[in-house]
Amino acid sequence: MVRVGLRPLLLGAPLTEREHDDTAASLDVHLQGVLDLLPKVYGDSDASQQAQMHFERFLEIGSDRDGMLCKRAALLFALGNEKELGKYFAEQERSAHGDDGQPTYAEDMRNRVLPFILPRYIRNSCQAPDSFVVLACVLSELWAGERLGNYPLEEETDSQ
């Protein structure tokens, strides 16, 4: 399994490499990592146990289209809520692609895109994981670096 960051987990392998696509297995490994992280961060509380139960169920979901979208939504949800996961993906992306001083794909997703769309996804009881994943990818890919809603860009908050 090649470690290249968040983007391939959300978008899958390039079209020319689909015969050797290990996205499903790689996504399961990362979801297992989130499952292992939960008790370390939140202990053995009822909420932690419930979250662990849900991530165990995500791991049981098949790797068909709907299953992959649900797993991707779970990973994005975890990324939006767990700073350790964001740091992990940012380090992976910097080691694979170098550090050009720009935010990594994971940092952009965590700091700009997810704060804009995650509250609405939660408010709607997480009922449309496909729309959530597609919207996150579209905003990240097509409007990279653009301010979303009333949220300031990271450099705007650093200068204040």
N, C-alpha and C. Protein backbone atom coordinates (compact mmCIF):
# COMPACT_ATOMS: atom_id res chain seq x y z
N MET A 1 0.85 -1.18 0.00
CA MET A 1 0.00 0.00 0.00
C MET A 1 0.89 1.24 0.00
N VAL A 2 0.71 2.09 -0.99
CA VAL A 2 1.46 3.32 -1.11
C VAL A 2 0.79 4.39 -0.25
N ARG A 3 1.59 5.11 0.51
CA ARG A 3 1.05 6.17 1.36
C ARG A 3 1.23 7.50 0.66
N VAL A 4 0.13 8.06 0.19
CA VAL A 4 0.23 9.31 -0.54
C VAL A 4 -0.71 10.37 -0.01
N GLY A 5 -1.50 10.10 0.98
CA GLY A 5 -2.34 11.12 1.56
C GLY A 5 -3.82 10.90 1.36
N LEU A 6 -4.57 11.95 1.60
CA LEU A 6 -6.03 11.91 1.61
C LEU A 6 -6.65 11.88 0.22
N ARG A 7 -6.12 12.63 -0.71
CA ARG A 7 -6.74 12.78 -2.03
C ARG A 7 -7.02 11.45 -2.73
N PRO A 8 -6.06 10.52 -2.82
CA PRO A 8 -6.36 9.24 -3.48
C PRO A 8 -7.42 8.42 -2.75
N LEU A 9 -7.54 8.59 -1.45
CA LEU A 9 -8.57 7.87 -0.72
C LEU A 9 -9.96 8.38 -1.08
N LEU A 10 -10.06 9.67 -1.37
CA LEU A 10 -11.35 10.26 -1.72
C LEU A 10 -11.69 10.11 -3.20
N LEU A 11 -10.68 10.19 -4.07
CA LEU A 11 -10.94 10.17 -5.50
C LEU A 11 -10.64 8.83 -6.16
N GLY A 12 -9.92 7.96 -5.48
CA GLY A 12 -9.58 6.67 -6.06
C GLY A 12 -8.33 6.76 -6.91
N ALA A 13 -7.96 5.65 -7.48
CA ALA A 13 -6.77 5.58 -8.32
C ALA A 13 -7.01 6.31 -9.64
N PRO A 14 -5.96 6.80 -10.29
CA PRO A 14 -6.11 7.39 -11.62
C PRO A 14 -6.71 6.36 -12.59
N LEU A 15 -7.41 6.85 -13.59
CA LEU A 15 -8.08 5.94 -14.53
C LEU A 15 -7.13 4.95 -15.17
N THR A 16 -5.89 5.35 -15.39
CA THR A 16 -4.92 4.46 -16.04
C THR A 16 -4.39 3.39 -15.11
N GLU A 17 -4.70 3.49 -13.82
CA GLU A 17 -4.19 2.52 -12.84
C GLU A 17 -5.30 1.76 -12.13
N ARG A 18 -6.49 1.73 -12.70
CA ARG A 18 -7.63 1.12 -12.03
C ARG A 18 -7.54 -0.41 -11.91
N GLU A 19 -6.75 -1.07 -12.75
CA GLU A 19 -6.65 -2.53 -12.63
C GLU A 19 -5.89 -2.95 -11.37
N HIS A 20 -5.13 -2.04 -10.79
CA HIS A 20 -4.38 -2.32 -9.55
C HIS A 20 -4.83 -1.39 -8.43
N ASP A 21 -6.11 -1.10 -8.37
CA ASP A 21 -6.66 -0.13 -7.42
C ASP A 21 -6.77 -0.75 -6.03
N ASP A 22 -6.00 -0.22 -5.08
CA ASP A 22 -6.07 -0.71 -3.70
C ASP A 22 -6.72 0.32 -2.78
N THR A 23 -7.56 1.20 -3.35
CA THR A 23 -8.21 2.25 -2.57
C THR A 23 -9.06 1.66 -1.46
N ALA A 24 -9.84 0.63 -1.74
CA ALA A 24 -10.73 0.05 -0.72
C ALA A 24 -9.92 -0.49 0.46
N ALA A 25 -8.87 -1.22 0.18
CA ALA A 25 -8.04 -1.77 1.27
C ALA A 25 -7.35 -0.66 2.04
N SER A 26 -6.86 0.34 1.34
CA SER A 26 -6.19 1.47 1.99
C SER A 26 -7.17 2.25 2.85
N LEU A 27 -8.37 2.45 2.36
CA LEU A 27 -9.40 3.15 3.13
C LEU A 27 -9.74 2.38 4.40
N ASP A 28 -9.84 1.06 4.30
CA ASP A 28 -10.11 0.24 5.49
C ASP A 28 -8.99 0.35 6.52
N VAL A 29 -7.75 0.39 6.06
CA VAL A 29 -6.61 0.53 6.97
C VAL A 29 -6.70 1.86 7.72
N HIS A 30 -7.06 2.91 7.02
CA HIS A 30 -7.16 4.23 7.66
C HIS A 30 -8.35 4.29 8.62
N LEU A 31 -9.46 3.68 8.25
CA LEU A 31 -10.61 3.65 9.16
C LEU A 31 -10.28 2.83 10.41
N GLN A 32 -9.52 1.76 10.24
CA GLN A 32 -9.07 0.99 11.40
C GLN A 32 -8.17 1.85 12.28
N GLY A 33 -7.36 2.70 11.68
CA GLY A 33 -6.52 3.61 12.44
C GLY A 33 -7.34 4.59 13.25
N VAL A 34 -8.42 5.10 12.66
CA VAL A 34 -9.32 5.99 13.41
C VAL A 34 -9.96 5.22 14.56
N LEU A 35 -10.40 4.00 14.29
CA LEU A 35 -10.99 3.16 15.34
C LEU A 35 -10.01 2.95 16.49
N ASP A 36 -8.76 2.71 16.18
CA ASP A 36 -7.74 2.52 17.21
C ASP A 36 -7.43 3.81 17.96
N LEU A 37 -7.60 4.95 17.28
CA LEU A 37 -7.31 6.25 17.88
C LEU A 37 -8.37 6.66 18.91
N LEU A 38 -9.61 6.31 18.67
CA LEU A 38 -10.71 6.78 19.51
C LEU A 38 -10.54 6.48 21.00
N PRO A 39 -10.25 5.25 21.41
CA PRO A 39 -10.10 5.02 22.85
C PRO A 39 -8.87 5.71 23.45
N LYS A 40 -7.85 5.94 22.61
CA LYS A 40 -6.65 6.63 23.11
C LYS A 40 -6.95 8.10 23.39
N VAL A 41 -7.81 8.69 22.59
CA VAL A 41 -8.13 10.10 22.75
C VAL A 41 -9.28 10.31 23.74
N TYR A 42 -10.31 9.46 23.67
CA TYR A 42 -11.52 9.69 24.46
C TYR A 42 -11.74 8.70 25.59
N GLY A 43 -10.84 7.76 25.77
CA GLY A 43 -10.98 6.81 26.86
C GLY A 43 -12.07 5.79 26.60
N ASP A 44 -12.66 5.31 27.69
CA ASP A 44 -13.64 4.23 27.62
C ASP A 44 -15.05 4.73 27.92
N SER A 45 -15.34 5.97 27.58
CA SER A 45 -16.66 6.54 27.86
C SER A 45 -17.71 5.90 26.96
N ASP A 46 -18.97 6.12 27.31
CA ASP A 46 -20.06 5.60 26.49
C ASP A 46 -20.01 6.17 25.08
N ALA A 47 -19.72 7.47 24.96
CA ALA A 47 -19.65 8.10 23.64
C ALA A 47 -18.52 7.50 22.81
N SER A 48 -17.38 7.24 23.45
CA SER A 48 -16.26 6.64 22.75
C SER A 48 -16.61 5.23 22.28
N GLN A 49 -17.26 4.47 23.12
CA GLN A 49 -17.65 3.11 22.76
C GLN A 49 -18.65 3.11 21.59
N GLN A 50 -19.57 4.08 21.60
CA GLN A 50 -20.53 4.17 20.51
C GLN A 50 -19.83 4.54 19.20
N ALA A 51 -18.90 5.49 19.26
CA ALA A 51 -18.15 5.86 18.06
C ALA A 51 -17.35 4.67 17.54
N GLN A 52 -16.74 3.92 18.44
CA GLN A 52 -15.98 2.74 18.03
C GLN A 52 -16.89 1.72 17.35
N MET A 53 -18.10 1.54 17.89
CA MET A 53 -19.05 0.61 17.31
C MET A 53 -19.40 1.03 15.87
N HIS A 54 -19.59 2.33 15.67
CA HIS A 54 -19.92 2.81 14.32
C HIS A 54 -18.75 2.59 13.36
N PHE A 55 -17.53 2.83 13.81
CA PHE A 55 -16.39 2.62 12.92
C PHE A 55 -16.18 1.13 12.64
N GLU A 56 -16.51 0.27 13.58
CA GLU A 56 -16.47 -1.17 13.31
C GLU A 56 -17.47 -1.52 12.21
N ARG A 57 -18.64 -0.90 12.26
CA ARG A 57 -19.65 -1.14 11.22
C ARG A 57 -19.20 -0.61 9.86
N PHE A 58 -18.52 0.54 9.85
CA PHE A 58 -18.00 1.05 8.59
C PHE A 58 -17.03 0.06 7.97
N LEU A 59 -16.22 -0.59 8.81
CA LEU A 59 -15.25 -1.57 8.30
C LEU A 59 -15.93 -2.81 7.74
N GLU A 60 -17.16 -3.10 8.20
CA GLU A 60 -17.89 -4.26 7.71
C GLU A 60 -18.62 -4.00 6.39
N ILE A 61 -18.78 -2.72 6.05
CA ILE A 61 -19.48 -2.36 4.81
C ILE A 61 -18.66 -2.84 3.62
N GLY A 62 -19.34 -3.28 2.59
CA GLY A 62 -18.67 -3.73 1.38
C GLY A 62 -17.99 -2.60 0.64
N SER A 63 -17.29 -2.95 -0.41
CA SER A 63 -16.52 -1.97 -1.18
C SER A 63 -17.22 -1.61 -2.49
N ASP A 64 -18.55 -1.70 -2.51
CA ASP A 64 -19.28 -1.24 -3.68
C ASP A 64 -19.36 0.29 -3.64
N ARG A 65 -20.00 0.88 -4.61
CA ARG A 65 -20.06 2.34 -4.71
C ARG A 65 -20.59 2.98 -3.43
N ASP A 66 -21.73 2.52 -2.94
CA ASP A 66 -22.33 3.11 -1.74
C ASP A 66 -21.46 2.89 -0.51
N GLY A 67 -20.89 1.71 -0.40
CA GLY A 67 -20.02 1.42 0.74
C GLY A 67 -18.80 2.32 0.76
N MET A 68 -18.20 2.52 -0.41
CA MET A 68 -17.01 3.38 -0.48
C MET A 68 -17.37 4.83 -0.14
N LEU A 69 -18.53 5.30 -0.59
CA LEU A 69 -18.94 6.66 -0.25
C LEU A 69 -19.17 6.81 1.25
N CYS A 70 -19.77 5.81 1.87
CA CYS A 70 -19.98 5.87 3.32
C CYS A 70 -18.64 5.87 4.07
N LYS A 71 -17.72 5.07 3.62
CA LYS A 71 -16.39 5.03 4.26
C LYS A 71 -15.66 6.35 4.06
N ARG A 72 -15.76 6.91 2.89
CA ARG A 72 -15.11 8.20 2.63
C ARG A 72 -15.74 9.30 3.49
N ALA A 73 -17.06 9.27 3.64
CA ALA A 73 -17.74 10.26 4.48
C ALA A 73 -17.29 10.10 5.94
N ALA A 74 -17.14 8.87 6.39
CA ALA A 74 -16.69 8.63 7.77
C ALA A 74 -15.27 9.17 7.96
N LEU A 75 -14.42 8.96 6.97
CA LEU A 75 -13.05 9.47 7.07
C LEU A 75 -13.03 11.00 7.08
N LEU A 76 -13.84 11.63 6.24
CA LEU A 76 -13.91 13.10 6.23
C LEU A 76 -14.47 13.62 7.55
N PHE A 77 -15.49 12.95 8.08
CA PHE A 77 -16.06 13.35 9.37
C PHE A 77 -14.98 13.28 10.45
N ALA A 78 -14.22 12.19 10.46
CA ALA A 78 -13.14 12.06 11.44
C ALA A 78 -12.08 13.12 11.23
N LEU A 79 -11.75 13.40 9.99
CA LEU A 79 -10.76 14.44 9.69
C LEU A 79 -11.21 15.80 10.21
N GLY A 80 -12.50 16.08 10.07
CA GLY A 80 -13.03 17.34 10.53
C GLY A 80 -13.06 17.48 12.04
N ASN A 81 -12.98 16.36 12.75
CA ASN A 81 -13.10 16.39 14.20
C ASN A 81 -11.85 16.00 14.96
N GLU A 82 -10.91 15.36 14.31
CA GLU A 82 -9.71 14.87 14.98
C GLU A 82 -8.46 15.52 14.40
N LYS A 83 -7.87 16.44 15.15
CA LYS A 83 -6.70 17.15 14.64
C LYS A 83 -5.52 16.21 14.40
N GLU A 84 -5.44 15.11 15.17
CA GLU A 84 -4.35 14.15 14.98
C GLU A 84 -4.41 13.52 13.60
N LEU A 85 -5.62 13.26 13.12
CA LEU A 85 -5.78 12.67 11.80
C LEU A 85 -5.35 13.66 10.72
N GLY A 86 -5.68 14.93 10.90
CA GLY A 86 -5.23 15.96 9.97
C GLY A 86 -3.72 16.07 9.92
N LYS A 87 -3.07 16.01 11.07
CA LYS A 87 -1.61 16.07 11.12
C LYS A 87 -1.00 14.85 10.43
N TYR A 88 -1.59 13.69 10.65
CA TYR A 88 -1.10 12.46 10.04
C TYR A 88 -1.13 12.56 8.52
N PHE A 89 -2.28 12.97 7.95
CA PHE A 89 -2.38 13.07 6.50
C PHE A 89 -1.48 14.16 5.95
N ALA A 90 -1.37 15.28 6.66
CA ALA A 90 -0.49 16.37 6.20
C ALA A 90 0.96 15.89 6.14
N GLU A 91 1.40 15.15 7.15
CA GLU A 91 2.77 14.62 7.14
C GLU A 91 2.97 13.64 6.00
N GLN A 92 1.98 12.78 5.76
CA GLN A 92 2.06 11.82 4.65
C GLN A 92 2.19 12.55 3.32
N GLU A 93 1.37 13.58 3.14
CA GLU A 93 1.37 14.31 1.87
C GLU A 93 2.67 15.08 1.68
N ARG A 94 3.21 15.65 2.74
CA ARG A 94 4.48 16.38 2.63
C ARG A 94 5.63 15.42 2.34
N SER A 95 5.61 14.24 2.94
CA SER A 95 6.70 13.30 2.68
C SER A 95 6.61 12.74 1.26
N ALA A 96 5.41 12.59 0.72
CA ALA A 96 5.25 12.04 -0.62
C ALA A 96 5.44 13.09 -1.71
N HIS A 97 5.04 14.33 -1.45
CA HIS A 97 5.03 15.35 -2.49
C HIS A 97 5.95 16.53 -2.22
N GLY A 98 6.61 16.54 -1.07
CA GLY A 98 7.49 17.65 -0.73
C GLY A 98 6.73 18.79 -0.07
N ASP A 99 7.46 19.69 0.53
CA ASP A 99 6.86 20.82 1.22
C ASP A 99 7.14 22.08 0.41
N ASP A 100 6.10 22.60 -0.24
CA ASP A 100 6.25 23.81 -1.04
C ASP A 100 5.75 25.06 -0.31
N GLY A 101 5.46 24.91 0.98
CA GLY A 101 4.98 26.03 1.77
C GLY A 101 3.48 26.26 1.68
N GLN A 102 2.81 25.55 0.78
CA GLN A 102 1.36 25.66 0.64
C GLN A 102 0.68 24.63 1.53
N PRO A 103 -0.57 24.88 1.92
CA PRO A 103 -1.29 23.86 2.70
C PRO A 103 -1.43 22.58 1.89
N THR A 104 -1.34 21.46 2.56
CA THR A 104 -1.54 20.17 1.88
C THR A 104 -3.03 20.00 1.59
N TYR A 105 -3.35 18.98 0.82
CA TYR A 105 -4.74 18.68 0.50
C TYR A 105 -5.53 18.45 1.79
N ALA A 106 -4.95 17.69 2.72
CA ALA A 106 -5.63 17.39 3.98
C ALA A 106 -5.81 18.65 4.83
N GLU A 107 -4.80 19.50 4.86
CA GLU A 107 -4.92 20.75 5.64
C GLU A 107 -5.98 21.66 5.04
N ASP A 108 -6.01 21.75 3.71
CA ASP A 108 -7.03 22.56 3.05
C ASP A 108 -8.41 22.01 3.35
N MET A 109 -8.55 20.70 3.29
CA MET A 109 -9.84 20.07 3.55
C MET A 109 -10.26 20.34 5.00
N ARG A 110 -9.34 20.16 5.92
CA ARG A 110 -9.66 20.31 7.35
C ARG A 110 -9.89 21.77 7.75
N ASN A 111 -9.10 22.69 7.23
CA ASN A 111 -9.16 24.07 7.69
C ASN A 111 -10.10 24.97 6.89
N ARG A 112 -10.41 24.60 5.64
CA ARG A 112 -11.21 25.48 4.80
C ARG A 112 -12.52 24.85 4.36
N VAL A 113 -12.47 23.63 3.85
CA VAL A 113 -13.65 23.02 3.26
C VAL A 113 -14.58 22.42 4.33
N LEU A 114 -14.05 21.59 5.20
CA LEU A 114 -14.91 20.91 6.17
C LEU A 114 -15.60 21.85 7.16
N PRO A 115 -14.96 22.92 7.64
CA PRO A 115 -15.72 23.83 8.51
C PRO A 115 -16.93 24.45 7.82
N PHE A 116 -16.89 24.54 6.51
CA PHE A 116 -17.99 25.12 5.74
C PHE A 116 -19.12 24.11 5.53
N ILE A 117 -18.80 22.85 5.28
CA ILE A 117 -19.87 21.89 4.93
C ILE A 117 -20.23 20.90 6.03
N LEU A 118 -19.34 20.65 6.98
CA LEU A 118 -19.60 19.64 8.01
C LEU A 118 -20.79 19.99 8.90
N PRO A 119 -20.97 21.24 9.33
CA PRO A 119 -22.14 21.53 10.18
C PRO A 119 -23.47 21.21 9.50
N ARG A 120 -23.60 21.50 8.22
CA ARG A 120 -24.85 21.19 7.51
C ARG A 120 -25.03 19.67 7.39
N TYR A 121 -23.96 18.96 7.15
CA TYR A 121 -24.03 17.50 7.05
C TYR A 121 -24.52 16.92 8.38
N ILE A 122 -23.99 17.41 9.48
CA ILE A 122 -24.42 16.93 10.80
C ILE A 122 -25.86 17.35 11.08
N ARG A 123 -26.20 18.60 10.75
CA ARG A 123 -27.56 19.10 10.98
C ARG A 123 -28.59 18.24 10.24
N ASN A 124 -28.20 17.70 9.10
CA ASN A 124 -29.10 16.85 8.33
C ASN A 124 -28.93 15.37 8.68
N SER A 125 -28.41 15.11 9.88
CA SER A 125 -28.28 13.75 10.42
C SER A 125 -27.40 12.84 9.57
N CYS A 126 -26.46 13.42 8.87
CA CYS A 126 -25.50 12.64 8.07
C CYS A 126 -26.20 11.71 7.07
N GLN A 127 -27.30 12.19 6.50
CA GLN A 127 -28.13 11.35 5.66
C GLN A 127 -27.72 11.30 4.19
N ALA A 128 -26.77 12.10 3.78
CA ALA A 128 -26.37 12.08 2.37
C ALA A 128 -24.85 12.02 2.26
N PRO A 129 -24.25 10.87 2.61
CA PRO A 129 -22.78 10.79 2.55
C PRO A 129 -22.24 10.99 1.15
N ASP A 130 -23.00 10.58 0.14
CA ASP A 130 -22.53 10.78 -1.24
C ASP A 130 -22.41 12.25 -1.57
N SER A 131 -23.41 13.04 -1.24
CA SER A 131 -23.36 14.49 -1.49
C SER A 131 -22.26 15.16 -0.69
N PHE A 132 -22.08 14.72 0.54
CA PHE A 132 -21.04 15.29 1.41
C PHE A 132 -19.66 15.08 0.82
N VAL A 133 -19.36 13.86 0.39
CA VAL A 133 -18.04 13.54 -0.17
C VAL A 133 -17.83 14.27 -1.48
N VAL A 134 -18.82 14.25 -2.35
CA VAL A 134 -18.68 14.92 -3.65
C VAL A 134 -18.52 16.42 -3.46
N LEU A 135 -19.30 17.03 -2.58
CA LEU A 135 -19.19 18.47 -2.35
C LEU A 135 -17.81 18.82 -1.79
N ALA A 136 -17.31 18.03 -0.85
CA ALA A 136 -15.98 18.28 -0.30
C ALA A 136 -14.91 18.22 -1.39
N CYS A 137 -14.99 17.21 -2.24
CA CYS A 137 -14.00 17.07 -3.31
C CYS A 137 -14.11 18.20 -4.33
N VAL A 138 -15.33 18.56 -4.70
CA VAL A 138 -15.52 19.63 -5.69
C VAL A 138 -15.00 20.96 -5.15
N LEU A 139 -15.35 21.30 -3.91
CA LEU A 139 -14.87 22.56 -3.34
C LEU A 139 -13.36 22.58 -3.22
N SER A 140 -12.78 21.45 -2.87
CA SER A 140 -11.33 21.38 -2.72
C SER A 140 -10.61 21.43 -4.05
N GLU A 141 -11.13 20.71 -5.03
CA GLU A 141 -10.47 20.62 -6.33
C GLU A 141 -10.70 21.85 -7.21
N LEU A 142 -11.94 22.29 -7.32
CA LEU A 142 -12.27 23.34 -8.27
C LEU A 142 -12.13 24.75 -7.72
N TRP A 143 -12.23 24.89 -6.41
CA TRP A 143 -12.12 26.22 -5.81
C TRP A 143 -11.04 26.23 -4.74
N ALA A 144 -9.91 25.67 -5.07
CA ALA A 144 -8.78 25.62 -4.13
C ALA A 144 -8.37 27.04 -3.73
N GLY A 145 -8.22 27.26 -2.45
CA GLY A 145 -7.75 28.54 -1.94
C GLY A 145 -8.80 29.64 -1.86
N GLU A 146 -9.99 29.40 -2.37
CA GLU A 146 -11.06 30.41 -2.31
C GLU A 146 -11.70 30.41 -0.94
N ARG A 147 -12.07 31.60 -0.48
CA ARG A 147 -12.78 31.71 0.79
C ARG A 147 -14.19 31.16 0.60
N LEU A 148 -14.64 30.36 1.55
CA LEU A 148 -15.96 29.75 1.49
C LEU A 148 -16.85 30.38 2.55
N GLY A 149 -17.97 30.90 2.14
CA GLY A 149 -18.90 31.51 3.09
C GLY A 149 -18.27 32.68 3.79
N ASN A 150 -18.50 32.78 5.07
CA ASN A 150 -17.94 33.87 5.88
C ASN A 150 -16.65 33.48 6.57
N TYR A 151 -16.14 32.30 6.27
CA TYR A 151 -14.93 31.83 6.92
C TYR A 151 -13.72 32.52 6.32
N PRO A 152 -12.88 33.12 7.14
CA PRO A 152 -11.66 33.76 6.59
C PRO A 152 -10.66 32.70 6.16
N LEU A 153 -9.82 33.05 5.21
CA LEU A 153 -8.73 32.18 4.84
C LEU A 153 -7.73 32.14 5.97
N GLU A 154 -6.95 31.09 6.07
CA GLU A 154 -6.02 30.92 7.17
C GLU A 154 -5.02 32.08 7.27
N GLU A 155 -4.51 32.55 6.12
CA GLU A 155 -3.56 33.66 6.18
C GLU A 155 -4.20 34.95 6.64
N GLU A 156 -5.53 35.11 6.43
CA GLU A 156 -6.23 36.30 6.92
C GLU A 156 -6.31 36.29 8.44
N THR A 157 -6.48 35.10 9.03
CA THR A 157 -6.56 35.01 10.49
C THR A 157 -5.17 35.12 11.11
N ASP A 158 -4.12 34.71 10.38
CA ASP A 158 -2.75 34.80 10.90
C ASP A 158 -2.29 36.25 10.99
N SER A 159 -2.74 37.10 10.06
CA SER A 159 -2.27 38.48 10.03
C SER A 159 -2.98 39.37 11.05
N GLN A 160 -4.05 38.89 11.63
CA GLN A 160 -4.81 39.73 12.58
C GLN A 160 -4.28 39.58 13.98
